[in-house]
Amino acid sequence: TALFGVLDGHGGAQVARFSSDHLPEELRKFPLDTGAASIHKQNEQMENALRGAFHKIDDLLRSGHFAAEVSSLTNQPRDRIAQSPRNGDATMVGCTACVCCVTSTQIVTANAGDS
């Protein structure tokens, strides 16, 4: 199984980076029955796994337990004098995601957010 994606940070790159780091791990936690009799059942399982992983990332971010990690993902300003407004408060950023999961029998796409 392979996972590909484009994550677009809104207000900064922190949440996109966090999601990129954690989404594959969260997706692996959802069991997939690769021997499912019907392609419909396989599609349903993958859809539920992707949806569940997206929701889990949102839960992790909302919990506050990862605030230090998210803040650490802030880009350092190129100019030490001027702090970029796009790399400000890590609690005020988000991201959208378009992902594609490829298995031996499926290619499933999913998106979260407005892109």
PDB file of N, CA and C in Angstrom:
ATOM      1  N   THR A   1       0.846  -1.180   0.000  1.00  0.00           N
ATOM      2  CA  THR A   1       0.000   0.000   0.000  1.00  0.00           C
ATOM      3  C   THR A   1       0.884   1.233   0.000  1.00  0.00           C
ATOM      4  N   ALA A   2       0.511   2.226  -0.799  1.00  0.00           N
ATOM      5  CA  ALA A   2       1.248   3.485  -0.869  1.00  0.00           C
ATOM      6  C   ALA A   2       0.269   4.634  -0.667  1.00  0.00           C
ATOM      7  N   LEU A   3       0.763   5.683  -0.029  1.00  0.00           N
ATOM      8  CA  LEU A   3      -0.045   6.869   0.215  1.00  0.00           C
ATOM      9  C   LEU A   3       0.687   8.069  -0.358  1.00  0.00           C
ATOM     10  N   PHE A   4      -0.008   8.826  -1.195  1.00  0.00           N
ATOM     11  CA  PHE A   4       0.539  10.034  -1.796  1.00  0.00           C
ATOM     12  C   PHE A   4      -0.393  11.174  -1.428  1.00  0.00           C
ATOM     13  N   GLY A   5       0.144  12.365  -1.293  1.00  0.00           N
ATOM     14  CA  GLY A   5      -0.737  13.471  -0.967  1.00  0.00           C
ATOM     15  C   GLY A   5      -0.115  14.830  -1.168  1.00  0.00           C
ATOM     16  N   VAL A   6      -0.995  15.805  -1.272  1.00  0.00           N
ATOM     17  CA  VAL A   6      -0.609  17.207  -1.290  1.00  0.00           C
ATOM     18  C   VAL A   6      -1.353  17.856  -0.135  1.00  0.00           C
ATOM     19  N   LEU A   7      -0.602  18.441   0.792  1.00  0.00           N
ATOM     20  CA  LEU A   7      -1.187  19.112   1.943  1.00  0.00           C
ATOM     21  C   LEU A   7      -0.812  20.582   1.865  1.00  0.00           C
ATOM     22  N   ASP A   8      -1.812  21.430   1.888  1.00  0.00           N
ATOM     23  CA  ASP A   8      -1.622  22.868   1.701  1.00  0.00           C
ATOM     24  C   ASP A   8      -1.897  23.578   3.013  1.00  0.00           C
ATOM     25  N   GLY A   9      -0.856  24.146   3.602  1.00  0.00           N
ATOM     26  CA  GLY A   9      -1.013  24.869   4.853  1.00  0.00           C
ATOM     27  C   GLY A   9      -1.721  26.194   4.663  1.00  0.00           C
ATOM     28  N   HIS A  10      -2.592  26.510   5.593  1.00  0.00           N
ATOM     29  CA  HIS A  10      -3.308  27.792   5.585  1.00  0.00           C
ATOM     30  C   HIS A  10      -2.855  28.575   6.803  1.00  0.00           C
ATOM     31  N   GLY A  11      -2.197  29.690   6.572  1.00  0.00           N
ATOM     32  CA  GLY A  11      -1.687  30.507   7.664  1.00  0.00           C
ATOM     33  C   GLY A  11      -0.297  30.099   8.093  1.00  0.00           C
ATOM     34  N   GLY A  12       0.232  29.060   7.515  1.00  0.00           N
ATOM     35  CA  GLY A  12       1.552  28.534   7.844  1.00  0.00           C
ATOM     36  C   GLY A  12       1.603  27.068   7.481  1.00  0.00           C
ATOM     37  N   ALA A  13       2.770  26.508   7.511  1.00  0.00           N
ATOM     38  CA  ALA A  13       2.965  25.121   7.082  1.00  0.00           C
ATOM     39  C   ALA A  13       2.883  24.112   8.226  1.00  0.00           C
ATOM     40  N   GLN A  14       2.723  24.568   9.456  1.00  0.00           N
ATOM     41  CA  GLN A  14       2.831  23.676  10.609  1.00  0.00           C
ATOM     42  C   GLN A  14       1.863  22.495  10.573  1.00  0.00           C
ATOM     43  N   VAL A  15       0.585  22.756  10.342  1.00  0.00           N
ATOM     44  CA  VAL A  15      -0.408  21.678  10.375  1.00  0.00           C
ATOM     45  C   VAL A  15      -0.239  20.748   9.178  1.00  0.00           C
ATOM     46  N   ALA A  16       0.136  21.290   8.032  1.00  0.00           N
ATOM     47  CA  ALA A  16       0.393  20.441   6.871  1.00  0.00           C
ATOM     48  C   ALA A  16       1.565  19.499   7.170  1.00  0.00           C
ATOM     49  N   ARG A  17       2.606  20.012   7.789  1.00  0.00           N
ATOM     50  CA  ARG A  17       3.762  19.166   8.134  1.00  0.00           C
ATOM     51  C   ARG A  17       3.384  18.125   9.180  1.00  0.00           C
ATOM     52  N   PHE A  18       2.644  18.536  10.197  1.00  0.00           N
ATOM     53  CA  PHE A  18       2.195  17.610  11.234  1.00  0.00           C
ATOM     54  C   PHE A  18       1.361  16.493  10.597  1.00  0.00           C
ATOM     55  N   SER A  19       0.425  16.876   9.743  1.00  0.00           N
ATOM     56  CA  SER A  19      -0.451  15.897   9.094  1.00  0.00           C
ATOM     57  C   SER A  19       0.347  14.949   8.206  1.00  0.00           C
ATOM     58  N   SER A  20       1.314  15.488   7.490  1.00  0.00           N
ATOM     59  CA  SER A  20       2.163  14.662   6.639  1.00  0.00           C
ATOM     60  C   SER A  20       2.937  13.637   7.464  1.00  0.00           C
ATOM     61  N   ASP A  21       3.374  14.040   8.630  1.00  0.00           N
ATOM     62  CA  ASP A  21       4.122  13.135   9.511  1.00  0.00           C
ATOM     63  C   ASP A  21       3.229  12.066  10.133  1.00  0.00           C
ATOM     64  N   HIS A  22       1.992  12.423  10.494  1.00  0.00           N
ATOM     65  CA  HIS A  22       1.141  11.527  11.284  1.00  0.00           C
ATOM     66  C   HIS A  22       0.062  10.785  10.502  1.00  0.00           C
ATOM     67  N   LEU A  23      -0.327  11.278   9.334  1.00  0.00           N
ATOM     68  CA  LEU A  23      -1.423  10.638   8.596  1.00  0.00           C
ATOM     69  C   LEU A  23      -1.125   9.181   8.231  1.00  0.00           C
ATOM     70  N   PRO A  24       0.065   8.853   7.710  1.00  0.00           N
ATOM     71  CA  PRO A  24       0.310   7.441   7.381  1.00  0.00           C
ATOM     72  C   PRO A  24       0.192   6.517   8.600  1.00  0.00           C
ATOM     73  N   GLU A  25       0.698   6.963   9.728  1.00  0.00           N
ATOM     74  CA  GLU A  25       0.627   6.173  10.963  1.00  0.00           C
ATOM     75  C   GLU A  25      -0.829   5.956  11.385  1.00  0.00           C
ATOM     76  N   GLU A  26      -1.629   7.012  11.318  1.00  0.00           N
ATOM     77  CA  GLU A  26      -3.032   6.887  11.709  1.00  0.00           C
ATOM     78  C   GLU A  26      -3.812   6.008  10.727  1.00  0.00           C
ATOM     79  N   LEU A  27      -3.500   6.098   9.459  1.00  0.00           N
ATOM     80  CA  LEU A  27      -4.168   5.269   8.454  1.00  0.00           C
ATOM     81  C   LEU A  27      -3.876   3.787   8.686  1.00  0.00           C
ATOM     82  N   ARG A  28      -2.638   3.481   9.083  1.00  0.00           N
ATOM     83  CA  ARG A  28      -2.274   2.073   9.344  1.00  0.00           C
ATOM     84  C   ARG A  28      -3.070   1.456  10.491  1.00  0.00           C
ATOM     85  N   LYS A  29      -3.619   2.265  11.351  1.00  0.00           N
ATOM     86  CA  LYS A  29      -4.367   1.755  12.504  1.00  0.00           C
ATOM     87  C   LYS A  29      -5.748   1.225  12.126  1.00  0.00           C
ATOM     88  N   PHE A  30      -6.185   1.516  10.907  1.00  0.00           N
ATOM     89  CA  PHE A  30      -7.498   1.035  10.459  1.00  0.00           C
ATOM     90  C   PHE A  30      -7.311  -0.281   9.709  1.00  0.00           C
ATOM     91  N   PRO A  31      -7.947  -1.352  10.195  1.00  0.00           N
ATOM     92  CA  PRO A  31      -7.780  -2.655   9.533  1.00  0.00           C
ATOM     93  C   PRO A  31      -8.453  -2.691   8.168  1.00  0.00           C
ATOM     94  N   LEU A  32      -7.745  -3.255   7.214  1.00  0.00           N
ATOM     95  CA  LEU A  32      -8.303  -3.459   5.878  1.00  0.00           C
ATOM     96  C   LEU A  32      -8.274  -4.950   5.584  1.00  0.00           C
ATOM     97  N   ASP A  33      -9.386  -5.486   5.164  1.00  0.00           N
ATOM     98  CA  ASP A  33      -9.484  -6.891   4.789  1.00  0.00           C
ATOM     99  C   ASP A  33      -9.198  -6.994   3.301  1.00  0.00           C
ATOM    100  N   THR A  34      -7.938  -7.258   2.960  1.00  0.00           N
ATOM    101  CA  THR A  34      -7.557  -7.320   1.547  1.00  0.00           C
ATOM    102  C   THR A  34      -8.189  -8.514   0.842  1.00  0.00           C
ATOM    103  N   GLY A  35      -8.720  -9.447   1.607  1.00  0.00           N
ATOM    104  CA  GLY A  35      -9.385 -10.600   1.012  1.00  0.00           C
ATOM    105  C   GLY A  35     -10.893 -10.429   0.934  1.00  0.00           C
ATOM    106  N   ALA A  36     -11.377  -9.209   1.154  1.00  0.00           N
ATOM    107  CA  ALA A  36     -12.826  -8.965   1.111  1.00  0.00           C
ATOM    108  C   ALA A  36     -13.376  -9.424  -0.238  1.00  0.00           C
ATOM    109  N   ALA A  37     -14.523 -10.059  -0.189  1.00  0.00           N
ATOM    110  CA  ALA A  37     -15.101 -10.689  -1.370  1.00  0.00           C
ATOM    111  C   ALA A  37     -15.447  -9.694  -2.472  1.00  0.00           C
ATOM    112  N   SER A  38     -15.921  -8.532  -2.112  1.00  0.00           N
ATOM    113  CA  SER A  38     -16.363  -7.610  -3.151  1.00  0.00           C
ATOM    114  C   SER A  38     -15.514  -6.348  -3.174  1.00  0.00           C
ATOM    115  N   ILE A  39     -15.378  -5.786  -4.344  1.00  0.00           N
ATOM    116  CA  ILE A  39     -14.660  -4.527  -4.488  1.00  0.00           C
ATOM    117  C   ILE A  39     -15.409  -3.430  -3.745  1.00  0.00           C
ATOM    118  N   HIS A  40     -16.740  -3.544  -3.697  1.00  0.00           N
ATOM    119  CA  HIS A  40     -17.536  -2.561  -2.954  1.00  0.00           C
ATOM    120  C   HIS A  40     -17.127  -2.559  -1.479  1.00  0.00           C
ATOM    121  N   LYS A  41     -16.957  -3.736  -0.899  1.00  0.00           N
ATOM    122  CA  LYS A  41     -16.554  -3.841   0.513  1.00  0.00           C
ATOM    123  C   LYS A  41     -15.152  -3.271   0.707  1.00  0.00           C
ATOM    124  N   GLN A  42     -14.236  -3.558  -0.207  1.00  0.00           N
ATOM    125  CA  GLN A  42     -12.882  -3.017  -0.118  1.00  0.00           C
ATOM    126  C   GLN A  42     -12.908  -1.489  -0.210  1.00  0.00           C
ATOM    127  N   ASN A  43     -13.696  -0.953  -1.134  1.00  0.00           N
ATOM    128  CA  ASN A  43     -13.804   0.503  -1.271  1.00  0.00           C
ATOM    129  C   ASN A  43     -14.363   1.131  -0.001  1.00  0.00           C
ATOM    130  N   GLU A  44     -15.380   0.510   0.554  1.00  0.00           N
ATOM    131  CA  GLU A  44     -15.994   1.016   1.785  1.00  0.00           C
ATOM    132  C   GLU A  44     -14.983   1.035   2.935  1.00  0.00           C
ATOM    133  N   GLN A  45     -14.199  -0.034   3.048  1.00  0.00           N
ATOM    134  CA  GLN A  45     -13.185  -0.092   4.105  1.00  0.00           C
ATOM    135  C   GLN A  45     -12.143   1.008   3.931  1.00  0.00           C
ATOM    136  N   MET A  46     -11.689   1.218   2.712  1.00  0.00           N
ATOM    137  CA  MET A  46     -10.675   2.240   2.462  1.00  0.00           C
ATOM    138  C   MET A  46     -11.245   3.634   2.716  1.00  0.00           C
ATOM    139  N   GLU A  47     -12.465   3.873   2.272  1.00  0.00           N
ATOM    140  CA  GLU A  47     -13.105   5.166   2.524  1.00  0.00           C
ATOM    141  C   GLU A  47     -13.207   5.426   4.022  1.00  0.00           C
ATOM    142  N   ASN A  48     -13.628   4.419   4.780  1.00  0.00           N
ATOM    143  CA  ASN A  48     -13.747   4.566   6.232  1.00  0.00           C
ATOM    144  C   ASN A  48     -12.380   4.801   6.882  1.00  0.00           C
ATOM    145  N   ALA A  49     -11.365   4.124   6.378  1.00  0.00           N
ATOM    146  CA  ALA A  49     -10.017   4.290   6.931  1.00  0.00           C
ATOM    147  C   ALA A  49      -9.492   5.701   6.672  1.00  0.00           C
ATOM    148  N   LEU A  50      -9.643   6.183   5.445  1.00  0.00           N
ATOM    149  CA  LEU A  50      -9.165   7.536   5.129  1.00  0.00           C
ATOM    150  C   LEU A  50      -9.944   8.579   5.920  1.00  0.00           C
ATOM    151  N   ARG A  51     -11.252   8.453   5.966  1.00  0.00           N
ATOM    152  CA  ARG A  51     -12.074   9.395   6.734  1.00  0.00           C
ATOM    153  C   ARG A  51     -11.671   9.355   8.213  1.00  0.00           C
ATOM    154  N   GLY A  52     -11.523   8.155   8.733  1.00  0.00           N
ATOM    155  CA  GLY A  52     -11.137   8.001  10.138  1.00  0.00           C
ATOM    156  C   GLY A  52      -9.767   8.588  10.443  1.00  0.00           C
ATOM    157  N   ALA A  53      -8.822   8.403   9.536  1.00  0.00           N
ATOM    158  CA  ALA A  53      -7.483   8.949   9.743  1.00  0.00           C
ATOM    159  C   ALA A  53      -7.508  10.475   9.706  1.00  0.00           C
ATOM    160  N   PHE A  54      -8.272  11.053   8.792  1.00  0.00           N
ATOM    161  CA  PHE A  54      -8.411  12.516   8.745  1.00  0.00           C
ATOM    162  C   PHE A  54      -9.001  13.028  10.069  1.00  0.00           C
ATOM    163  N   HIS A  55     -10.050  12.358  10.553  1.00  0.00           N
ATOM    164  CA  HIS A  55     -10.679  12.780  11.805  1.00  0.00           C
ATOM    165  C   HIS A  55      -9.723  12.623  12.983  1.00  0.00           C
ATOM    166  N   LYS A  56      -8.919  11.566  12.972  1.00  0.00           N
ATOM    167  CA  LYS A  56      -7.963  11.356  14.064  1.00  0.00           C
ATOM    168  C   LYS A  56      -6.921  12.462  14.089  1.00  0.00           C
ATOM    169  N   ILE A  57      -6.423  12.876  12.920  1.00  0.00           N
ATOM    170  CA  ILE A  57      -5.467  13.988  12.864  1.00  0.00           C
ATOM    171  C   ILE A  57      -6.105  15.229  13.471  1.00  0.00           C
ATOM    172  N   ASP A  58      -7.352  15.499  13.114  1.00  0.00           N
ATOM    173  CA  ASP A  58      -8.058  16.654  13.671  1.00  0.00           C
ATOM    174  C   ASP A  58      -8.168  16.527  15.192  1.00  0.00           C
ATOM    175  N   ASP A  59      -8.495  15.331  15.680  1.00  0.00           N
ATOM    176  CA  ASP A  59      -8.585  15.110  17.125  1.00  0.00           C
ATOM    177  C   ASP A  59      -7.241  15.347  17.813  1.00  0.00           C
ATOM    178  N   LEU A  60      -6.162  14.845  17.205  1.00  0.00           N
ATOM    179  CA  LEU A  60      -4.831  15.035  17.778  1.00  0.00           C
ATOM    180  C   LEU A  60      -4.496  16.524  17.886  1.00  0.00           C
ATOM    181  N   LEU A  61      -4.792  17.274  16.846  1.00  0.00           N
ATOM    182  CA  LEU A  61      -4.496  18.704  16.845  1.00  0.00           C
ATOM    183  C   LEU A  61      -5.350  19.452  17.871  1.00  0.00           C
ATOM    184  N   ARG A  62      -6.616  19.085  17.974  1.00  0.00           N
ATOM    185  CA  ARG A  62      -7.512  19.760  18.914  1.00  0.00           C
ATOM    186  C   ARG A  62      -7.189  19.420  20.365  1.00  0.00           C
ATOM    187  N   SER A  63      -6.571  18.272  20.607  1.00  0.00           N
ATOM    188  CA  SER A  63      -6.298  17.840  21.977  1.00  0.00           C
ATOM    189  C   SER A  63      -5.332  18.758  22.709  1.00  0.00           C
ATOM    190  N   GLY A  64      -4.476  19.434  21.967  1.00  0.00           N
ATOM    191  CA  GLY A  64      -3.478  20.295  22.593  1.00  0.00           C
ATOM    192  C   GLY A  64      -2.214  19.563  23.010  1.00  0.00           C
ATOM    193  N   HIS A  65      -2.226  18.241  23.003  1.00  0.00           N
ATOM    194  CA  HIS A  65      -1.062  17.467  23.419  1.00  0.00           C
ATOM    195  C   HIS A  65       0.110  17.592  22.451  1.00  0.00           C
ATOM    196  N   PHE A  66      -0.162  18.054  21.247  1.00  0.00           N
ATOM    197  CA  PHE A  66       0.876  18.147  20.226  1.00  0.00           C
ATOM    198  C   PHE A  66       1.244  19.592  19.902  1.00  0.00           C
ATOM    199  N   ALA A  67       0.842  20.528  20.758  1.00  0.00           N
ATOM    200  CA  ALA A  67       1.088  21.952  20.498  1.00  0.00           C
ATOM    201  C   ALA A  67       2.574  22.258  20.333  1.00  0.00           C
ATOM    202  N   ALA A  68       3.412  21.665  21.171  1.00  0.00           N
ATOM    203  CA  ALA A  68       4.858  21.928  21.072  1.00  0.00           C
ATOM    204  C   ALA A  68       5.408  21.396  19.756  1.00  0.00           C
ATOM    205  N   GLU A  69       4.937  20.208  19.350  1.00  0.00           N
ATOM    206  CA  GLU A  69       5.395  19.652  18.073  1.00  0.00           C
ATOM    207  C   GLU A  69       4.953  20.537  16.912  1.00  0.00           C
ATOM    208  N   VAL A  70       3.706  20.974  16.926  1.00  0.00           N
ATOM    209  CA  VAL A  70       3.201  21.826  15.850  1.00  0.00           C
ATOM    210  C   VAL A  70       3.995  23.132  15.803  1.00  0.00           C
ATOM    211  N   SER A  71       4.223  23.731  16.948  1.00  0.00           N
ATOM    212  CA  SER A  71       4.998  24.981  16.993  1.00  0.00           C
ATOM    213  C   SER A  71       6.411  24.783  16.475  1.00  0.00           C
ATOM    214  N   SER A  72       6.987  23.610  16.739  1.00  0.00           N
ATOM    215  CA  SER A  72       8.361  23.342  16.286  1.00  0.00           C
ATOM    216  C   SER A  72       8.457  23.243  14.769  1.00  0.00           C
ATOM    217  N   LEU A  73       7.326  23.084  14.107  1.00  0.00           N
ATOM    218  CA  LEU A  73       7.309  22.954  12.651  1.00  0.00           C
ATOM    219  C   LEU A  73       7.212  24.301  11.940  1.00  0.00           C
ATOM    220  N   THR A  74       7.271  25.382  12.701  1.00  0.00           N
ATOM    221  CA  THR A  74       7.230  26.729  12.136  1.00  0.00           C
ATOM    222  C   THR A  74       8.514  27.001  11.369  1.00  0.00           C
ATOM    223  N   ASN A  75       8.368  27.544  10.166  1.00  0.00           N
ATOM    224  CA  ASN A  75       9.544  27.947   9.384  1.00  0.00           C
ATOM    225  C   ASN A  75      10.284  29.046  10.123  1.00  0.00           C
ATOM    226  N   GLN A  76      11.584  28.973  10.107  1.00  0.00           N
ATOM    227  CA  GLN A  76      12.388  30.057  10.660  1.00  0.00           C
ATOM    228  C   GLN A  76      12.394  31.203   9.656  1.00  0.00           C
ATOM    229  N   PRO A  77      12.267  32.445  10.125  1.00  0.00           N
ATOM    230  CA  PRO A  77      12.279  33.575   9.187  1.00  0.00           C
ATOM    231  C   PRO A  77      13.624  33.685   8.484  1.00  0.00           C
ATOM    232  N   ARG A  78      13.561  34.033   7.203  1.00  0.00           N
ATOM    233  CA  ARG A  78      14.794  34.213   6.437  1.00  0.00           C
ATOM    234  C   ARG A  78      15.562  35.420   6.935  1.00  0.00           C
ATOM    235  N   ASP A  79      14.825  36.442   7.290  1.00  0.00           N
ATOM    236  CA  ASP A  79      15.415  37.673   7.799  1.00  0.00           C
ATOM    237  C   ASP A  79      15.194  37.666   9.306  1.00  0.00           C
ATOM    238  N   ARG A  80      16.256  37.622  10.065  1.00  0.00           N
ATOM    239  CA  ARG A  80      16.120  37.523  11.519  1.00  0.00           C
ATOM    240  C   ARG A  80      15.408  38.726  12.127  1.00  0.00           C
ATOM    241  N   ILE A  81      15.345  39.839  11.414  1.00  0.00           N
ATOM    242  CA  ILE A  81      14.696  41.034  11.942  1.00  0.00           C
ATOM    243  C   ILE A  81      13.186  40.965  11.751  1.00  0.00           C
ATOM    244  N   ALA A  82      12.737  40.482  10.596  1.00  0.00           N
ATOM    245  CA  ALA A  82      11.301  40.483  10.279  1.00  0.00           C
ATOM    246  C   ALA A  82      10.728  39.087  10.405  1.00  0.00           C
ATOM    247  N   GLN A  83       9.795  38.911  11.318  1.00  0.00           N
ATOM    248  CA  GLN A  83       9.087  37.644  11.460  1.00  0.00           C
ATOM    249  C   GLN A  83       7.946  37.618  10.458  1.00  0.00           C
ATOM    250  N   SER A  84       7.893  36.598   9.633  1.00  0.00           N
ATOM    251  CA  SER A  84       6.842  36.486   8.630  1.00  0.00           C
ATOM    252  C   SER A  84       5.495  36.257   9.308  1.00  0.00           C
ATOM    253  N   PRO A  85       4.449  36.989   8.931  1.00  0.00           N
ATOM    254  CA  PRO A  85       3.135  36.760   9.510  1.00  0.00           C
ATOM    255  C   PRO A  85       2.594  35.371   9.175  1.00  0.00           C
ATOM    256  N   ARG A  86       3.091  34.739   8.104  1.00  0.00           N
ATOM    257  CA  ARG A  86       2.632  33.403   7.725  1.00  0.00           C
ATOM    258  C   ARG A  86       3.213  32.332   8.636  1.00  0.00           C
ATOM    259  N   ASN A  87       4.144  32.688   9.505  1.00  0.00           N
ATOM    260  CA  ASN A  87       4.757  31.728  10.411  1.00  0.00           C
ATOM    261  C   ASN A  87       4.566  32.158  11.855  1.00  0.00           C
ATOM    262  N   GLY A  88       3.428  32.745  12.124  1.00  0.00           N
ATOM    263  CA  GLY A  88       3.144  33.247  13.456  1.00  0.00           C
ATOM    264  C   GLY A  88       2.615  32.173  14.383  1.00  0.00           C
ATOM    265  N   ASP A  89       1.496  32.425  14.990  1.00  0.00           N
ATOM    266  CA  ASP A  89       0.898  31.570  15.999  1.00  0.00           C
ATOM    267  C   ASP A  89       0.477  30.223  15.402  1.00  0.00           C
ATOM    268  N   ALA A  90       1.113  29.158  15.848  1.00  0.00           N
ATOM    269  CA  ALA A  90       0.840  27.819  15.310  1.00  0.00           C
ATOM    270  C   ALA A  90      -0.558  27.328  15.644  1.00  0.00           C
ATOM    271  N   THR A  91      -1.233  27.960  16.605  1.00  0.00           N
ATOM    272  CA  THR A  91      -2.600  27.529  16.935  1.00  0.00           C
ATOM    273  C   THR A  91      -3.629  28.138  15.992  1.00  0.00           C
ATOM    274  N   MET A  92      -3.182  29.025  15.118  1.00  0.00           N
ATOM    275  CA  MET A  92      -4.102  29.712  14.212  1.00  0.00           C
ATOM    276  C   MET A  92      -3.904  29.286  12.756  1.00  0.00           C
ATOM    277  N   VAL A  93      -3.359  28.098  12.533  1.00  0.00           N
ATOM    278  CA  VAL A  93      -3.121  27.620  11.179  1.00  0.00           C
ATOM    279  C   VAL A  93      -3.886  26.326  10.944  1.00  0.00           C
ATOM    280  N   GLY A  94      -3.977  25.920   9.698  1.00  0.00           N
ATOM    281  CA  GLY A  94      -4.650  24.682   9.343  1.00  0.00           C
ATOM    282  C   GLY A  94      -4.144  24.198   8.011  1.00  0.00           C
ATOM    283  N   CYS A  95      -4.813  23.222   7.438  1.00  0.00           N
ATOM    284  CA  CYS A  95      -4.423  22.762   6.110  1.00  0.00           C
ATOM    285  C   CYS A  95      -5.572  22.034   5.446  1.00  0.00           C
ATOM    286  N   THR A  96      -5.447  21.914   4.152  1.00  0.00           N
ATOM    287  CA  THR A  96      -6.320  21.047   3.385  1.00  0.00           C
ATOM    288  C   THR A  96      -5.454  19.910   2.861  1.00  0.00           C
ATOM    289  N   ALA A  97      -6.097  18.821   2.487  1.00  0.00           N
ATOM    290  CA  ALA A  97      -5.332  17.670   2.024  1.00  0.00           C
ATOM    291  C   ALA A  97      -6.054  16.985   0.870  1.00  0.00           C
ATOM    292  N   CYS A  98      -5.297  16.607  -0.126  1.00  0.00           N
ATOM    293  CA  CYS A  98      -5.772  15.743  -1.215  1.00  0.00           C
ATOM    294  C   CYS A  98      -4.830  14.552  -1.223  1.00  0.00           C
ATOM    295  N   VAL A  99      -5.351  13.361  -0.987  1.00  0.00           N
ATOM    296  CA  VAL A  99      -4.496  12.187  -0.902  1.00  0.00           C
ATOM    297  C   VAL A  99      -4.998  11.084  -1.823  1.00  0.00           C
ATOM    298  N   CYS A 100      -4.083  10.189  -2.145  1.00  0.00           N
ATOM    299  CA  CYS A 100      -4.382   9.031  -2.975  1.00  0.00           C
ATOM    300  C   CYS A 100      -3.746   7.818  -2.311  1.00  0.00           C
ATOM    301  N   CYS A 101      -4.541   6.807  -2.075  1.00  0.00           N
ATOM    302  CA  CYS A 101      -4.049   5.564  -1.480  1.00  0.00           C
ATOM    303  C   CYS A 101      -4.135   4.471  -2.541  1.00  0.00           C
ATOM    304  N   VAL A 102      -3.006   3.808  -2.782  1.00  0.00           N
ATOM    305  CA  VAL A 102      -2.920   2.781  -3.818  1.00  0.00           C
ATOM    306  C   VAL A 102      -2.616   1.441  -3.156  1.00  0.00           C
ATOM    307  N   THR A 103      -3.485   0.461  -3.403  1.00  0.00           N
ATOM    308  CA  THR A 103      -3.237  -0.905  -2.940  1.00  0.00           C
ATOM    309  C   THR A 103      -3.101  -1.802  -4.164  1.00  0.00           C
ATOM    310  N   SER A 104      -2.970  -3.078  -3.929  1.00  0.00           N
ATOM    311  CA  SER A 104      -2.841  -4.004  -5.056  1.00  0.00           C
ATOM    312  C   SER A 104      -4.128  -4.101  -5.870  1.00  0.00           C
ATOM    313  N   THR A 105      -5.265  -3.667  -5.295  1.00  0.00           N
ATOM    314  CA  THR A 105      -6.540  -3.773  -6.001  1.00  0.00           C
ATOM    315  C   THR A 105      -7.298  -2.457  -6.121  1.00  0.00           C
ATOM    316  N   GLN A 106      -6.789  -1.382  -5.525  1.00  0.00           N
ATOM    317  CA  GLN A 106      -7.558  -0.141  -5.486  1.00  0.00           C
ATOM    318  C   GLN A 106      -6.680   1.092  -5.696  1.00  0.00           C
ATOM    319  N   ILE A 107      -7.297   2.128  -6.174  1.00  0.00           N
ATOM    320  CA  ILE A 107      -6.746   3.483  -6.158  1.00  0.00           C
ATOM    321  C   ILE A 107      -7.883   4.346  -5.636  1.00  0.00           C
ATOM    322  N   VAL A 108      -7.694   4.869  -4.428  1.00  0.00           N
ATOM    323  CA  VAL A 108      -8.752   5.640  -3.768  1.00  0.00           C
ATOM    324  C   VAL A 108      -8.230   7.022  -3.464  1.00  0.00           C
ATOM    325  N   THR A 109      -9.001   8.045  -3.825  1.00  0.00           N
ATOM    326  CA  THR A 109      -8.627   9.417  -3.512  1.00  0.00           C
ATOM    327  C   THR A 109      -9.572   9.984  -2.449  1.00  0.00           C
ATOM    328  N   ALA A 110      -9.040  10.937  -1.690  1.00  0.00           N
ATOM    329  CA  ALA A 110      -9.844  11.584  -0.656  1.00  0.00           C
ATOM    330  C   ALA A 110      -9.331  12.994  -0.456  1.00  0.00           C
ATOM    331  N   ASN A 111     -10.204  13.842   0.031  1.00  0.00           N
ATOM    332  CA  ASN A 111      -9.761  15.196   0.350  1.00  0.00           C
ATOM    333  C   ASN A 111     -10.404  15.653   1.639  1.00  0.00           C
ATOM    334  N   ALA A 112      -9.734  16.563   2.299  1.00  0.00           N
ATOM    335  CA  ALA A 112     -10.250  17.209   3.504  1.00  0.00           C
ATOM    336  C   ALA A 112      -9.981  18.693   3.347  1.00  0.00           C
ATOM    337  N   GLY A 113     -10.948  19.495   3.646  1.00  0.00           N
ATOM    338  CA  GLY A 113     -10.780  20.933   3.506  1.00  0.00           C
ATOM    339  C   GLY A 113     -11.389  21.412   2.205  1.00  0.00           C
ATOM    340  N   ASP A 114     -10.963  22.604   1.814  1.00  0.00           N
ATOM    341  CA  ASP A 114     -11.624  23.250   0.688  1.00  0.00           C
ATOM    342  C   ASP A 114     -10.785  23.319  -0.583  1.00  0.00           C
ATOM    343  N   SER A 115      -9.731  22.513  -0.687  1.00  0.00           N
ATOM    344  CA  SER A 115      -8.946  22.592  -1.933  1.00  0.00           C
ATOM    345  C   SER A 115      -9.330  21.481  -2.892  1.00  0.00           C
TER     346      SER A 115
END
